[in-house]
């Protein structure tokens, strides 16, 4: 009488931090090309799934579906099953990550503006990163994980008014790059021009004009500008 001795395969799913991941599907096959699979199995709440009653031999495992915050790894892995033993296979996946590209322009001239400081906040309102636009008017964040963020200017460039607009950003696909374009209005002042008769001192004409405060300068006392 021939008695078949079986083994088992325990698959464990983790993210890049080592946290367990449920609801991940794996296909198991006796063939390296994953043809004629013996089944597809999904990890439970503890991030594991065990396939029982496997004859001792080589098997192949391939990930077929992951939660949306992780990057799918379709690499085919080889495992060997031995009689009366449980083989362990751990799959570890990276988070989906993307970047935010910040762009600052002058709305009147359309030119890029350097020196704008932006902050990036997570969905709990915690500040994660501060970025300052360069001479090109651009700056790029580091990698941000899958999720929702908010971008807001916290320090305006010299000569401009702070733009308090909050820009929502969602990282949903791997290597995604999202561009946020902000506009700042220039600071302005009032310049009063008075024309007087040099002999009598009588005011002949008065006019008021709006004038931009140039970056790096401020309005001088008395309504004049440097």
Protein backbone atom coordinates (compact mmCIF):
# COMPACT_ATOMS: atom_id res chain seq x y z
CA UNK A 1 0.00 0.00 0.00
CA UNK A 2 1.41 3.36 -1.04
CA UNK A 3 0.70 6.20 1.39
CA UNK A 4 1.11 9.72 0.05
CA UNK A 5 2.69 12.12 2.50
CA UNK A 6 1.70 15.72 2.07
CA UNK A 7 3.16 19.03 3.05
CA UNK A 8 1.88 22.58 3.37
CA UNK A 9 2.80 26.06 2.17
CA UNK A 10 2.30 29.09 4.41
CA UNK A 11 2.34 32.40 2.56
CA UNK A 12 2.88 35.59 4.58
CA UNK A 13 2.30 39.05 3.15
CA UNK A 14 4.02 42.18 4.51
CA UNK A 15 4.57 45.76 3.40
CA UNK A 16 8.00 47.42 3.28
CA UNK A 17 7.72 48.26 7.01
CA UNK A 18 7.05 44.66 7.95
CA UNK A 19 3.37 45.24 8.73
CA UNK A 20 1.08 42.33 7.79
CA UNK A 21 -1.20 42.82 4.78
CA UNK A 22 -4.56 41.04 4.39
CA UNK A 23 -6.56 40.65 1.16
CA UNK A 24 -3.60 39.83 -1.06
CA UNK A 25 -4.07 37.05 -3.65
CA UNK A 26 -1.49 34.48 -4.74
CA UNK A 27 -1.63 31.89 -7.47
CA UNK A 28 0.10 28.54 -6.90
CA UNK A 29 1.15 26.21 -9.73
CA UNK A 30 3.36 23.20 -10.37
CA UNK A 31 4.59 24.89 -13.53
CA UNK A 32 7.11 27.73 -13.77
CA UNK A 33 4.98 29.47 -16.43
CA UNK A 34 2.09 29.44 -13.93
CA UNK A 35 -0.07 27.39 -16.27
CA UNK A 36 -2.72 25.05 -14.82
CA UNK A 37 -2.61 26.57 -11.33
CA UNK A 38 -3.83 24.44 -8.48
CA UNK A 39 -5.62 27.47 -7.04
CA UNK A 40 -5.59 31.12 -5.99
CA UNK A 41 -5.39 31.95 -2.30
CA UNK A 42 -5.98 35.19 -0.35
CA UNK A 43 -4.31 36.28 2.87
CA UNK A 44 -6.54 36.75 5.91
CA UNK A 45 -6.58 39.33 8.66
CA UNK A 46 -3.22 38.14 10.00
CA UNK A 47 -1.61 38.57 6.57
CA UNK A 48 -1.17 34.82 6.01
CA UNK A 49 -2.78 31.96 4.11
CA UNK A 50 -1.85 28.26 4.29
CA UNK A 51 -2.24 25.83 1.38
CA UNK A 52 -2.52 22.24 2.62
CA UNK A 53 -2.32 18.77 1.07
CA UNK A 54 0.52 19.51 -1.34
CA UNK A 55 2.56 16.61 -2.69
CA UNK A 56 6.31 16.94 -2.05
CA UNK A 57 7.84 18.72 -5.03
CA UNK A 58 8.61 22.20 -6.37
CA UNK A 59 5.82 24.73 -6.64
CA UNK A 60 5.64 28.23 -8.02
CA UNK A 61 3.93 31.22 -6.42
CA UNK A 62 2.89 34.47 -8.08
CA UNK A 63 1.14 37.48 -6.59
CA UNK A 64 -2.01 38.38 -8.54
CA UNK A 65 -3.73 41.15 -6.54
CA UNK A 66 -2.74 43.55 -3.74
CA UNK A 67 -4.49 46.32 -1.79
CA UNK A 68 -4.40 49.62 -3.67
CA UNK A 69 -1.71 51.19 -1.46
CA UNK A 70 0.90 48.61 -2.49
CA UNK A 71 2.83 47.94 -5.71
CA UNK A 72 1.96 44.59 -7.30
CA UNK A 73 4.96 42.25 -7.65
CA UNK A 74 4.27 39.63 -10.34
CA UNK A 75 7.64 37.90 -9.99
CA UNK A 76 7.29 34.11 -9.99
CA UNK A 77 8.88 32.54 -6.89
CA UNK A 78 9.92 28.92 -6.40
CA UNK A 79 9.27 26.96 -3.21
CA UNK A 80 9.94 23.33 -2.33
CA UNK A 81 7.40 21.31 -0.39
CA UNK A 82 8.59 18.42 1.79
CA UNK A 83 6.44 15.69 3.31
CA UNK A 84 4.94 16.43 6.72
CA UNK A 85 6.43 19.91 6.81
CA UNK A 86 5.22 23.44 6.25
CA UNK A 87 7.26 25.58 3.86
CA UNK A 88 7.20 29.30 4.56
CA UNK A 89 7.20 31.99 1.90
CA UNK A 90 7.10 35.72 2.78
CA UNK A 91 6.26 38.32 0.16
CA UNK A 92 7.13 41.94 0.89
CA UNK A 93 5.89 44.83 -1.24
CA UNK A 94 6.66 48.52 -1.50
CA UNK A 95 4.07 51.22 -0.93
CA UNK A 96 2.74 53.18 -3.90
CA UNK A 97 4.67 56.48 -3.90
CA UNK A 98 4.61 59.69 -5.87
CA UNK A 99 5.87 63.26 -5.84
CA UNK A 100 4.43 66.76 -5.91
CA UNK A 101 5.89 69.38 -8.27
CA UNK A 102 5.24 72.92 -7.09
CA UNK A 103 5.19 75.84 -9.53
CA UNK A 104 4.89 79.52 -8.61
CA UNK A 105 4.04 82.20 -11.17
CA UNK A 106 3.30 85.91 -11.27
CA UNK A 107 -0.32 86.14 -12.54
CA UNK A 108 0.27 89.43 -14.38
CA UNK A 109 3.52 88.60 -16.16
CA UNK A 110 3.16 84.82 -16.25
CA UNK A 111 6.81 84.53 -15.19
CA UNK A 112 8.13 81.94 -12.77
CA UNK A 113 8.77 83.18 -9.23
CA UNK A 114 11.57 81.98 -6.93
CA UNK A 115 11.54 82.04 -3.15
CA UNK A 116 8.00 80.78 -2.44
CA UNK A 117 7.97 78.41 0.56
CA UNK A 118 5.39 75.62 0.52
CA UNK A 119 4.49 73.11 3.23
CA UNK A 120 3.05 69.64 2.64
CA UNK A 121 0.64 68.24 5.25
CA UNK A 122 -0.73 64.72 5.69
CA UNK A 123 -4.41 63.92 6.21
CA UNK A 124 -3.99 64.54 9.95
CA UNK A 125 -2.74 68.07 9.38
CA UNK A 126 0.85 67.23 10.32
CA UNK A 127 3.55 69.07 8.36
CA UNK A 128 5.80 66.64 6.50
CA UNK A 129 8.06 68.77 4.33
CA UNK A 130 8.90 72.37 3.41
CA UNK A 131 10.01 73.33 -0.08
CA UNK A 132 11.23 76.60 -1.62
CA UNK A 133 10.81 77.35 -5.33
CA UNK A 134 14.08 77.86 -7.19
CA UNK A 135 15.02 80.41 -9.86
CA UNK A 136 13.03 78.33 -12.37
CA UNK A 137 9.91 78.74 -10.22
CA UNK A 138 9.78 75.00 -9.61
CA UNK A 139 10.53 72.65 -6.73
CA UNK A 140 9.85 68.93 -6.34
CA UNK A 141 8.98 67.07 -3.15
CA UNK A 142 10.45 63.82 -1.93
CA UNK A 143 8.45 60.62 -2.29
CA UNK A 144 5.02 60.63 -0.65
CA UNK A 145 3.15 57.43 0.10
CA UNK A 146 -0.28 56.54 -1.22
CA UNK A 147 -2.84 58.84 0.38
CA UNK A 148 -4.24 62.34 0.67
CA UNK A 149 -2.19 65.48 1.29
CA UNK A 150 -2.58 69.24 1.39
CA UNK A 151 -0.15 71.80 -0.04
CA UNK A 152 -0.12 75.39 1.16
CA UNK A 153 2.19 78.38 0.80
CA UNK A 154 3.58 79.42 4.19
CA UNK A 155 6.08 82.13 3.20
CA UNK A 156 5.54 84.37 0.16
CA UNK A 157 8.42 85.49 -2.07
CA UNK A 158 9.77 88.95 -1.35
CA UNK A 159 7.48 91.57 -2.88
CA UNK A 160 4.44 89.28 -3.06
CA UNK A 161 1.32 88.69 -0.98
CA UNK A 162 0.95 85.30 0.72
CA UNK A 163 -1.50 83.01 -1.10
CA UNK A 164 -3.44 81.15 1.63
CA UNK A 165 -5.13 78.72 -0.78
CA UNK A 166 -4.94 75.04 0.29
CA UNK A 167 -4.38 72.60 -2.58
CA UNK A 168 -5.55 68.98 -2.03
CA UNK A 169 -3.29 66.30 -3.52
CA UNK A 170 -3.91 62.54 -3.79
CA UNK A 171 -1.15 60.02 -4.52
CA UNK A 172 -2.92 57.03 -6.09
CA UNK A 173 -0.49 55.43 -8.57
CA UNK A 174 3.17 54.51 -8.32
CA UNK A 175 5.70 57.11 -9.53
CA UNK A 176 2.87 59.61 -10.00
CA UNK A 177 3.86 63.27 -10.29
CA UNK A 178 1.27 65.92 -9.52
CA UNK A 179 1.88 69.56 -10.45
CA UNK A 180 0.45 72.30 -8.24
CA UNK A 181 0.59 75.83 -9.69
CA UNK A 182 0.19 78.76 -7.34
CA UNK A 183 -0.15 82.47 -8.13
CA UNK A 184 0.87 85.32 -5.84
CA UNK A 185 -0.19 88.91 -6.30
CA UNK A 186 2.51 91.55 -6.06
CA UNK A 187 2.51 93.89 -3.11
CA UNK A 188 1.47 97.41 -4.11
CA UNK A 189 1.45 100.88 -2.56
CA UNK A 190 0.02 104.32 -3.36
CA UNK A 191 2.15 107.09 -4.80
CA UNK A 192 0.74 110.60 -4.48
CA UNK A 193 2.07 113.20 -6.90
CA UNK A 194 1.49 116.87 -6.00
CA UNK A 195 2.30 119.85 -8.25
CA UNK A 196 2.60 123.26 -6.56
CA UNK A 197 3.22 126.81 -7.74
CA UNK A 198 6.82 127.54 -6.78
CA UNK A 199 5.99 131.11 -5.82
CA UNK A 200 2.60 130.94 -4.11
CA UNK A 201 2.71 127.31 -2.95
CA UNK A 202 -0.77 126.77 -4.31
CA UNK A 203 -1.48 123.12 -5.20
CA UNK A 204 -2.04 122.97 -8.93
CA UNK A 205 -2.62 119.24 -9.38
CA UNK A 206 -2.70 116.08 -7.29
CA UNK A 207 -2.81 112.51 -8.59
CA UNK A 208 -2.50 109.11 -6.98
CA UNK A 209 -1.04 106.08 -8.72
CA UNK A 210 -0.64 102.45 -7.76
CA UNK A 211 2.93 101.20 -7.87
CA UNK A 212 4.43 97.77 -7.34
CA UNK A 213 6.80 97.26 -4.45
CA UNK A 214 9.83 95.66 -6.05
CA UNK A 215 11.13 92.42 -4.52
CA UNK A 216 13.72 93.20 -1.88
CA UNK A 217 12.32 96.71 -1.26
CA UNK A 218 9.62 98.19 0.95
CA UNK A 219 7.49 101.27 0.79
CA UNK A 220 9.32 104.25 2.29
CA UNK A 221 7.69 106.69 4.74
CA UNK A 222 5.70 109.54 3.24
CA UNK A 223 4.37 107.54 0.31
CA UNK A 224 7.56 107.65 -1.76
CA UNK A 225 9.46 104.61 -3.03
CA UNK A 226 13.16 103.88 -3.12
